[in-house]
C-alpha cells in the first residue's frame, strides 16, 4: 500500500446531498456542500457540511474524474454542451 493510498483510506466518508454554491476567491474556488439538517422540523433546511477551497484548474480535472473519462480522450467543447446532471 502506498503512502497516498493509506492517507486516502484514513479519511472519513461524508455523504453530501447537494452543492449549495461555488464562490470565486481570486484564482481559487470554494465549493460549499450541504446535507439535510436533521434538527430542523421542516424537510427543506440544509446544513453546510463541507467547504473546499481549491485551484480553479483542479475543477476541470475533478469534472473529468467524476465523468469517468480521460481528459485527453474527451472534447471540452462537447462536454460543455452536456445539459443533463449525473445524478
PDB file of N, CA and C in Angstrom:
ATOM      1  N   UNK A   1       0.860  -1.182   0.000  1.00  0.00           N
ATOM      2  CA  UNK A   1       0.000   0.000   0.000  1.00  0.00           C
ATOM      3  C   UNK A   1       0.899   1.235   0.000  1.00  0.00           C
ATOM      4  N   UNK A   2       0.615   2.143  -0.907  1.00  0.00           N
ATOM      5  CA  UNK A   2       1.405   3.361  -0.975  1.00  0.00           C
ATOM      6  C   UNK A   2       0.975   4.319   0.130  1.00  0.00           C
ATOM      7  N   UNK A   3       1.826   5.290   0.398  1.00  0.00           N
ATOM      8  CA  UNK A   3       1.505   6.285   1.424  1.00  0.00           C
ATOM      9  C   UNK A   3       0.237   7.060   1.057  1.00  0.00           C
ATOM     10  N   UNK A   4       0.096   7.408  -0.236  1.00  0.00           N
ATOM     11  CA  UNK A   4      -1.080   8.151  -0.675  1.00  0.00           C
ATOM     12  C   UNK A   4      -2.351   7.314  -0.485  1.00  0.00           C
ATOM     13  N   UNK A   5      -2.315   6.027  -0.845  1.00  0.00           N
ATOM     14  CA  UNK A   5      -3.475   5.154  -0.651  1.00  0.00           C
ATOM     15  C   UNK A   5      -3.824   5.036   0.822  1.00  0.00           C
ATOM     16  N   UNK A   6      -2.815   4.923   1.665  1.00  0.00           N
ATOM     17  CA  UNK A   6      -3.053   4.822   3.097  1.00  0.00           C
ATOM     18  C   UNK A   6      -3.744   6.077   3.622  1.00  0.00           C
ATOM     19  N   UNK A   7      -3.285   7.255   3.197  1.00  0.00           N
ATOM     20  CA  UNK A   7      -3.888   8.501   3.658  1.00  0.00           C
ATOM     21  C   UNK A   7      -5.329   8.635   3.178  1.00  0.00           C
ATOM     22  N   UNK A   8      -5.596   8.236   1.941  1.00  0.00           N
ATOM     23  CA  UNK A   8      -6.961   8.315   1.412  1.00  0.00           C
ATOM     24  C   UNK A   8      -7.880   7.393   2.201  1.00  0.00           C
ATOM     25  N   UNK A   9      -7.410   6.186   2.535  1.00  0.00           N
ATOM     26  CA  UNK A   9      -8.230   5.231   3.271  1.00  0.00           C
ATOM     27  C   UNK A   9      -8.513   5.698   4.689  1.00  0.00           C
ATOM     28  N   UNK A  10      -7.706   6.588   5.242  1.00  0.00           N
ATOM     29  CA  UNK A  10      -7.906   7.071   6.601  1.00  0.00           C
ATOM     30  C   UNK A  10      -8.920   8.210   6.675  1.00  0.00           C
ATOM     31  N   UNK A  11      -9.273   8.792   5.537  1.00  0.00           N
ATOM     32  CA  UNK A  11     -10.219   9.913   5.513  1.00  0.00           C
ATOM     33  C   UNK A  11     -11.626   9.425   5.851  1.00  0.00           C
ATOM     34  N   UNK A  12     -12.396  10.276   6.491  1.00  0.00           N
ATOM     35  CA  UNK A  12     -13.771   9.963   6.854  1.00  0.00           C
ATOM     36  C   UNK A  12     -14.683  10.234   5.662  1.00  0.00           C
ATOM     37  N   UNK A  13     -15.574   9.288   5.365  1.00  0.00           N
ATOM     38  CA  UNK A  13     -16.559   9.500   4.301  1.00  0.00           C
ATOM     39  C   UNK A  13     -17.712  10.322   4.848  1.00  0.00           C
ATOM     40  N   UNK A  14     -18.160  11.280   4.049  1.00  0.00           N
ATOM     41  CA  UNK A  14     -19.297  12.118   4.426  1.00  0.00           C
ATOM     42  C   UNK A  14     -20.175  12.286   3.204  1.00  0.00           C
ATOM     43  N   UNK A  15     -21.429  11.852   3.304  1.00  0.00           N
ATOM     44  CA  UNK A  15     -22.362  11.977   2.188  1.00  0.00           C
ATOM     45  C   UNK A  15     -22.902  13.395   2.139  1.00  0.00           C
ATOM     46  N   UNK A  16     -22.671  14.075   1.030  1.00  0.00           N
ATOM     47  CA  UNK A  16     -23.221  15.405   0.820  1.00  0.00           C
ATOM     48  C   UNK A  16     -24.351  15.295  -0.196  1.00  0.00           C
ATOM     49  N   UNK A  17     -25.490  15.870   0.139  1.00  0.00           N
ATOM     50  CA  UNK A  17     -26.668  15.742  -0.707  1.00  0.00           C
ATOM     51  C   UNK A  17     -26.660  16.715  -1.877  1.00  0.00           C
ATOM     52  N   UNK A  18     -26.084  17.894  -1.695  1.00  0.00           N
ATOM     53  CA  UNK A  18     -26.190  18.925  -2.726  1.00  0.00           C
ATOM     54  C   UNK A  18     -24.979  19.850  -2.642  1.00  0.00           C
ATOM     55  N   UNK A  19     -24.771  20.600  -3.704  1.00  0.00           N
ATOM     56  CA  UNK A  19     -23.768  21.660  -3.674  1.00  0.00           C
ATOM     57  C   UNK A  19     -24.537  22.975  -3.602  1.00  0.00           C
ATOM     58  N   UNK A  20     -24.267  23.746  -2.576  1.00  0.00           N
ATOM     59  CA  UNK A  20     -25.007  24.986  -2.348  1.00  0.00           C
ATOM     60  C   UNK A  20     -24.563  26.084  -3.306  1.00  0.00           C
ATOM     61  N   UNK A  21     -23.259  26.211  -3.458  1.00  0.00           N
ATOM     62  CA  UNK A  21     -22.751  27.239  -4.368  1.00  0.00           C
ATOM     63  C   UNK A  21     -21.247  27.073  -4.550  1.00  0.00           C
ATOM     64  N   UNK A  22     -20.733  27.801  -5.532  1.00  0.00           N
ATOM     65  CA  UNK A  22     -19.294  27.866  -5.783  1.00  0.00           C
ATOM     66  C   UNK A  22     -18.912  29.339  -5.774  1.00  0.00           C
ATOM     67  N   UNK A  23     -18.028  29.716  -4.861  1.00  0.00           N
ATOM     68  CA  UNK A  23     -17.555  31.096  -4.745  1.00  0.00           C
ATOM     69  C   UNK A  23     -16.205  31.232  -5.433  1.00  0.00           C
ATOM     70  N   UNK A  24     -15.953  32.394  -6.005  1.00  0.00           N
ATOM     71  CA  UNK A  24     -14.660  32.701  -6.598  1.00  0.00           C
ATOM     72  C   UNK A  24     -13.822  33.452  -5.584  1.00  0.00           C
ATOM     73  N   UNK A  25     -12.642  32.927  -5.318  1.00  0.00           N
ATOM     74  CA  UNK A  25     -11.696  33.553  -4.397  1.00  0.00           C
ATOM     75  C   UNK A  25     -10.382  33.763  -5.146  1.00  0.00           C
ATOM     76  N   UNK A  26     -10.315  34.832  -5.913  1.00  0.00           N
ATOM     77  CA  UNK A  26      -9.134  35.065  -6.740  1.00  0.00           C
ATOM     78  C   UNK A  26      -9.006  33.951  -7.756  1.00  0.00           C
ATOM     79  N   UNK A  27      -7.847  33.267  -7.827  1.00  0.00           N
ATOM     80  CA  UNK A  27      -7.687  32.167  -8.778  1.00  0.00           C
ATOM     81  C   UNK A  27      -8.266  30.849  -8.265  1.00  0.00           C
ATOM     82  N   UNK A  28      -8.843  30.851  -7.081  1.00  0.00           N
ATOM     83  CA  UNK A  28      -9.371  29.633  -6.463  1.00  0.00           C
ATOM     84  C   UNK A  28     -10.892  29.626  -6.458  1.00  0.00           C
ATOM     85  N   UNK A  29     -11.454  28.470  -6.134  1.00  0.00           N
ATOM     86  CA  UNK A  29     -12.899  28.323  -5.992  1.00  0.00           C
ATOM     87  C   UNK A  29     -13.185  27.659  -4.648  1.00  0.00           C
ATOM     88  N   UNK A  30     -14.281  28.120  -4.015  1.00  0.00           N
ATOM     89  CA  UNK A  30     -14.732  27.493  -2.765  1.00  0.00           C
ATOM     90  C   UNK A  30     -16.040  26.769  -3.076  1.00  0.00           C
ATOM     91  N   UNK A  31     -16.027  25.454  -2.944  1.00  0.00           N
ATOM     92  CA  UNK A  31     -17.210  24.636  -3.156  1.00  0.00           C
ATOM     93  C   UNK A  31     -17.860  24.385  -1.812  1.00  0.00           C
ATOM     94  N   UNK A  32     -19.152  24.682  -1.713  1.00  0.00           N
ATOM     95  CA  UNK A  32     -19.868  24.522  -0.452  1.00  0.00           C
ATOM     96  C   UNK A  32     -20.928  23.452  -0.633  1.00  0.00           C
ATOM     97  N   UNK A  33     -20.776  22.347   0.094  1.00  0.00           N
ATOM     98  CA  UNK A  33     -21.684  21.214   0.016  1.00  0.00           C
ATOM     99  C   UNK A  33     -22.589  21.196   1.248  1.00  0.00           C
ATOM    100  N   UNK A  34     -23.798  20.646   1.065  1.00  0.00           N
ATOM    101  CA  UNK A  34     -24.748  20.597   2.177  1.00  0.00           C
ATOM    102  C   UNK A  34     -25.263  19.184   2.410  1.00  0.00           C
ATOM    103  N   UNK A  35     -25.807  18.999   3.606  1.00  0.00           N
ATOM    104  CA  UNK A  35     -26.504  17.781   3.988  1.00  0.00           C
ATOM    105  C   UNK A  35     -27.839  18.204   4.591  1.00  0.00           C
ATOM    106  N   UNK A  36     -28.849  17.317   4.621  1.00  0.00           N
ATOM    107  CA  UNK A  36     -30.108  17.684   5.264  1.00  0.00           C
ATOM    108  C   UNK A  36     -29.875  17.972   6.746  1.00  0.00           C
ATOM    109  N   UNK A  37     -30.543  18.976   7.255  1.00  0.00           N
ATOM    110  CA  UNK A  37     -30.446  19.329   8.673  1.00  0.00           C
ATOM    111  C   UNK A  37     -31.455  18.482   9.448  1.00  0.00           C
ATOM    112  N   UNK A  38     -30.971  17.487  10.173  1.00  0.00           N
ATOM    113  CA  UNK A  38     -31.868  16.566  10.884  1.00  0.00           C
ATOM    114  C   UNK A  38     -32.528  17.209  12.093  1.00  0.00           C
ATOM    115  N   UNK A  39     -32.028  18.351  12.540  1.00  0.00           N
ATOM    116  CA  UNK A  39     -32.625  19.025  13.698  1.00  0.00           C
ATOM    117  C   UNK A  39     -33.744  19.974  13.298  1.00  0.00           C
ATOM    118  N   UNK A  40     -33.928  20.164  11.998  1.00  0.00           N
ATOM    119  CA  UNK A  40     -34.952  21.093  11.514  1.00  0.00           C
ATOM    120  C   UNK A  40     -36.317  20.403  11.460  1.00  0.00           C
ATOM    121  N   UNK A  41     -37.383  21.099  11.891  1.00  0.00           N
ATOM    122  CA  UNK A  41     -38.710  20.498  11.824  1.00  0.00           C
ATOM    123  C   UNK A  41     -39.227  20.346  10.392  1.00  0.00           C
ATOM    124  N   UNK A  42     -38.730  21.143   9.457  1.00  0.00           N
ATOM    125  CA  UNK A  42     -39.154  21.000   8.059  1.00  0.00           C
ATOM    126  C   UNK A  42     -38.067  20.279   7.274  1.00  0.00           C
ATOM    127  N   UNK A  43     -38.458  19.713   6.124  1.00  0.00           N
ATOM    128  CA  UNK A  43     -37.508  18.940   5.317  1.00  0.00           C
ATOM    129  C   UNK A  43     -36.653  19.790   4.396  1.00  0.00           C
ATOM    130  N   UNK A  44     -36.924  21.106   4.325  1.00  0.00           N
ATOM    131  CA  UNK A  44     -36.220  21.933   3.345  1.00  0.00           C
ATOM    132  C   UNK A  44     -34.972  22.616   3.888  1.00  0.00           C
ATOM    133  N   UNK A  45     -34.651  22.409   5.152  1.00  0.00           N
ATOM    134  CA  UNK A  45     -33.463  23.054   5.724  1.00  0.00           C
ATOM    135  C   UNK A  45     -32.225  22.206   5.454  1.00  0.00           C
ATOM    136  N   UNK A  46     -31.125  22.898   5.197  1.00  0.00           N
ATOM    137  CA  UNK A  46     -29.859  22.240   4.911  1.00  0.00           C
ATOM    138  C   UNK A  46     -28.785  22.787   5.842  1.00  0.00           C
ATOM    139  N   UNK A  47     -27.822  21.978   6.147  1.00  0.00           N
ATOM    140  CA  UNK A  47     -26.687  22.403   6.951  1.00  0.00           C
ATOM    141  C   UNK A  47     -25.437  22.313   6.088  1.00  0.00           C
ATOM    142  N   UNK A  48     -24.566  23.303   6.211  1.00  0.00           N
ATOM    143  CA  UNK A  48     -23.301  23.255   5.481  1.00  0.00           C
ATOM    144  C   UNK A  48     -22.442  22.168   6.096  1.00  0.00           C
ATOM    145  N   UNK A  49     -21.958  21.273   5.245  1.00  0.00           N
ATOM    146  CA  UNK A  49     -21.182  20.145   5.733  1.00  0.00           C
ATOM    147  C   UNK A  49     -19.704  20.266   5.397  1.00  0.00           C
ATOM    148  N   UNK A  50     -19.419  20.720   4.189  1.00  0.00           N
ATOM    149  CA  UNK A  50     -18.038  20.755   3.726  1.00  0.00           C
ATOM    150  C   UNK A  50     -17.824  22.015   2.905  1.00  0.00           C
ATOM    151  N   UNK A  51     -16.712  22.701   3.151  1.00  0.00           N
ATOM    152  CA  UNK A  51     -16.289  23.828   2.328  1.00  0.00           C
ATOM    153  C   UNK A  51     -14.868  23.531   1.866  1.00  0.00           C
ATOM    154  N   UNK A  52     -14.703  23.354   0.555  1.00  0.00           N
ATOM    155  CA  UNK A  52     -13.396  23.064  -0.020  1.00  0.00           C
ATOM    156  C   UNK A  52     -12.918  24.256  -0.822  1.00  0.00           C
ATOM    157  N   UNK A  53     -11.671  24.642  -0.626  1.00  0.00           N
ATOM    158  CA  UNK A  53     -11.059  25.686  -1.450  1.00  0.00           C
ATOM    159  C   UNK A  53      -9.980  25.011  -2.281  1.00  0.00           C
ATOM    160  N   UNK A  54     -10.074  25.217  -3.605  1.00  0.00           N
ATOM    161  CA  UNK A  54      -9.122  24.571  -4.499  1.00  0.00           C
ATOM    162  C   UNK A  54      -8.845  25.459  -5.705  1.00  0.00           C
ATOM    163  N   UNK A  55      -7.718  25.234  -6.383  1.00  0.00           N
ATOM    164  CA  UNK A  55      -7.428  25.999  -7.593  1.00  0.00           C
ATOM    165  C   UNK A  55      -8.495  25.733  -8.646  1.00  0.00           C
ATOM    166  N   UNK A  56      -8.840  26.750  -9.418  1.00  0.00           N
ATOM    167  CA  UNK A  56      -9.871  26.615 -10.445  1.00  0.00           C
ATOM    168  C   UNK A  56      -9.513  25.535 -11.463  1.00  0.00           C
ATOM    169  N   UNK A  57      -8.230  25.393 -11.784  1.00  0.00           N
ATOM    170  CA  UNK A  57      -7.796  24.389 -12.751  1.00  0.00           C
ATOM    171  C   UNK A  57      -8.113  22.975 -12.278  1.00  0.00           C
ATOM    172  N   UNK A  58      -8.133  22.786 -10.972  1.00  0.00           N
ATOM    173  CA  UNK A  58      -8.418  21.462 -10.429  1.00  0.00           C
ATOM    174  C   UNK A  58      -9.867  21.052 -10.687  1.00  0.00           C
ATOM    175  N   UNK A  59     -10.766  22.011 -10.839  1.00  0.00           N
ATOM    176  CA  UNK A  59     -12.166  21.695 -11.123  1.00  0.00           C
ATOM    177  C   UNK A  59     -12.316  20.969 -12.457  1.00  0.00           C
ATOM    178  N   UNK A  60     -11.496  21.326 -13.443  1.00  0.00           N
ATOM    179  CA  UNK A  60     -11.539  20.649 -14.737  1.00  0.00           C
ATOM    180  C   UNK A  60     -11.141  19.187 -14.555  1.00  0.00           C
ATOM    181  N   UNK A  61     -10.061  18.956 -13.841  1.00  0.00           N
ATOM    182  CA  UNK A  61      -9.609  17.583 -13.586  1.00  0.00           C
ATOM    183  C   UNK A  61     -10.645  16.813 -12.791  1.00  0.00           C
ATOM    184  N   UNK A  62     -11.248  17.464 -11.817  1.00  0.00           N
ATOM    185  CA  UNK A  62     -12.281  16.845 -10.997  1.00  0.00           C
ATOM    186  C   UNK A  62     -13.494  16.447 -11.840  1.00  0.00           C
ATOM    187  N   UNK A  63     -13.864  17.307 -12.782  1.00  0.00           N
ATOM    188  CA  UNK A  63     -15.002  17.010 -13.665  1.00  0.00           C
ATOM    189  C   UNK A  63     -14.716  15.784 -14.522  1.00  0.00           C
ATOM    190  N   UNK A  64     -13.511  15.679 -15.059  1.00  0.00           N
ATOM    191  CA  UNK A  64     -13.160  14.503 -15.853  1.00  0.00           C
ATOM    192  C   UNK A  64     -13.144  13.248 -14.991  1.00  0.00           C
ATOM    193  N   UNK A  65     -12.640  13.347 -13.772  1.00  0.00           N
ATOM    194  CA  UNK A  65     -12.623  12.200 -12.880  1.00  0.00           C
ATOM    195  C   UNK A  65     -14.049  11.762 -12.543  1.00  0.00           C
ATOM    196  N   UNK A  66     -14.936  12.719 -12.295  1.00  0.00           N
ATOM    197  CA  UNK A  66     -16.327  12.403 -11.959  1.00  0.00           C
ATOM    198  C   UNK A  66     -17.050  11.780 -13.150  1.00  0.00           C
ATOM    199  N   UNK A  67     -16.703  12.226 -14.359  1.00  0.00           N
ATOM    200  CA  UNK A  67     -17.325  11.677 -15.564  1.00  0.00           C
ATOM    201  C   UNK A  67     -16.757  10.304 -15.917  1.00  0.00           C
ATOM    202  N   UNK A  68     -15.664   9.925 -15.258  1.00  0.00           N
ATOM    203  CA  UNK A  68     -15.058   8.624 -15.511  1.00  0.00           C
ATOM    204  C   UNK A  68     -14.372   8.539 -16.856  1.00  0.00           C
ATOM    205  N   UNK A  69     -13.809   9.639 -17.309  1.00  0.00           N
ATOM    206  CA  UNK A  69     -13.145   9.659 -18.607  1.00  0.00           C
ATOM    207  C   UNK A  69     -11.773  10.301 -18.484  1.00  0.00           C
ATOM    208  N   UNK A  70     -10.958  10.046 -19.472  1.00  0.00           N
ATOM    209  CA  UNK A  70      -9.623  10.612 -19.522  1.00  0.00           C
ATOM    210  C   UNK A  70      -9.695  11.990 -20.180  1.00  0.00           C
ATOM    211  N   UNK A  71      -9.042  12.957 -19.595  1.00  0.00           N
ATOM    212  CA  UNK A  71      -9.079  14.327 -20.118  1.00  0.00           C
ATOM    213  C   UNK A  71      -8.583  14.395 -21.554  1.00  0.00           C
ATOM    214  N   UNK A  72      -7.616  13.576 -21.917  1.00  0.00           N
ATOM    215  CA  UNK A  72      -7.073  13.611 -23.275  1.00  0.00           C
ATOM    216  C   UNK A  72      -7.997  12.916 -24.272  1.00  0.00           C
ATOM    217  N   UNK A  73      -8.974  12.130 -23.790  1.00  0.00           N
ATOM    218  CA  UNK A  73      -9.858  11.383 -24.687  1.00  0.00           C
ATOM    219  C   UNK A  73     -11.211  12.054 -24.879  1.00  0.00           C
ATOM    220  N   UNK A  74     -11.441  13.188 -24.230  1.00  0.00           N
ATOM    221  CA  UNK A  74     -12.747  13.850 -24.334  1.00  0.00           C
ATOM    222  C   UNK A  74     -12.576  15.276 -24.835  1.00  0.00           C
ATOM    223  N   UNK A  75     -13.598  15.770 -25.490  1.00  0.00           N
ATOM    224  CA  UNK A  75     -13.591  17.121 -26.014  1.00  0.00           C
ATOM    225  C   UNK A  75     -14.231  18.066 -25.002  1.00  0.00           C
ATOM    226  N   UNK A  76     -13.536  19.112 -24.592  1.00  0.00           N
ATOM    227  CA  UNK A  76     -14.105  20.093 -23.664  1.00  0.00           C
ATOM    228  C   UNK A  76     -15.323  20.783 -24.278  1.00  0.00           C
ATOM    229  N   UNK A  77     -15.264  21.028 -25.587  1.00  0.00           N
ATOM    230  CA  UNK A  77     -16.392  21.679 -26.262  1.00  0.00           C
ATOM    231  C   UNK A  77     -17.626  20.784 -26.222  1.00  0.00           C
ATOM    232  N   UNK A  78     -17.435  19.480 -26.412  1.00  0.00           N
ATOM    233  CA  UNK A  78     -18.554  18.546 -26.375  1.00  0.00           C
ATOM    234  C   UNK A  78     -19.117  18.429 -24.959  1.00  0.00           C
ATOM    235  N   UNK A  79     -18.258  18.373 -23.967  1.00  0.00           N
ATOM    236  CA  UNK A  79     -18.724  18.300 -22.584  1.00  0.00           C
ATOM    237  C   UNK A  79     -19.482  19.558 -22.184  1.00  0.00           C
ATOM    238  N   UNK A  80     -19.100  20.701 -22.743  1.00  0.00           N
ATOM    239  CA  UNK A  80     -19.786  21.953 -22.422  1.00  0.00           C
ATOM    240  C   UNK A  80     -21.223  21.942 -22.923  1.00  0.00           C
ATOM    241  N   UNK A  81     -21.527  21.124 -23.919  1.00  0.00           N
ATOM    242  CA  UNK A  81     -22.880  21.022 -24.463  1.00  0.00           C
ATOM    243  C   UNK A  81     -23.780  20.110 -23.630  1.00  0.00           C
ATOM    244  N   UNK A  82     -23.212  19.324 -22.731  1.00  0.00           N
ATOM    245  CA  UNK A  82     -23.985  18.394 -21.915  1.00  0.00           C
ATOM    246  C   UNK A  82     -24.900  19.168 -20.972  1.00  0.00           C
ATOM    247  N   UNK A  83     -26.183  18.843 -21.019  1.00  0.00           N
ATOM    248  CA  UNK A  83     -27.156  19.572 -20.204  1.00  0.00           C
ATOM    249  C   UNK A  83     -27.741  18.734 -19.068  1.00  0.00           C
ATOM    250  N   UNK A  84     -27.463  17.440 -19.043  1.00  0.00           N
ATOM    251  CA  UNK A  84     -28.050  16.573 -18.018  1.00  0.00           C
ATOM    252  C   UNK A  84     -27.114  16.465 -16.826  1.00  0.00           C
ATOM    253  N   UNK A  85     -27.688  16.341 -15.628  1.00  0.00           N
ATOM    254  CA  UNK A  85     -26.893  16.126 -14.420  1.00  0.00           C
ATOM    255  C   UNK A  85     -26.528  14.652 -14.328  1.00  0.00           C
ATOM    256  N   UNK A  86     -25.446  14.360 -13.664  1.00  0.00           N
ATOM    257  CA  UNK A  86     -25.006  12.977 -13.498  1.00  0.00           C
ATOM    258  C   UNK A  86     -25.970  12.183 -12.622  1.00  0.00           C
ATOM    259  N   UNK A  87     -26.583  12.841 -11.644  1.00  0.00           N
ATOM    260  CA  UNK A  87     -27.496  12.134 -10.729  1.00  0.00           C
ATOM    261  C   UNK A  87     -28.870  12.729 -10.791  1.00  0.00           C
TER     262      UNK A  87
END
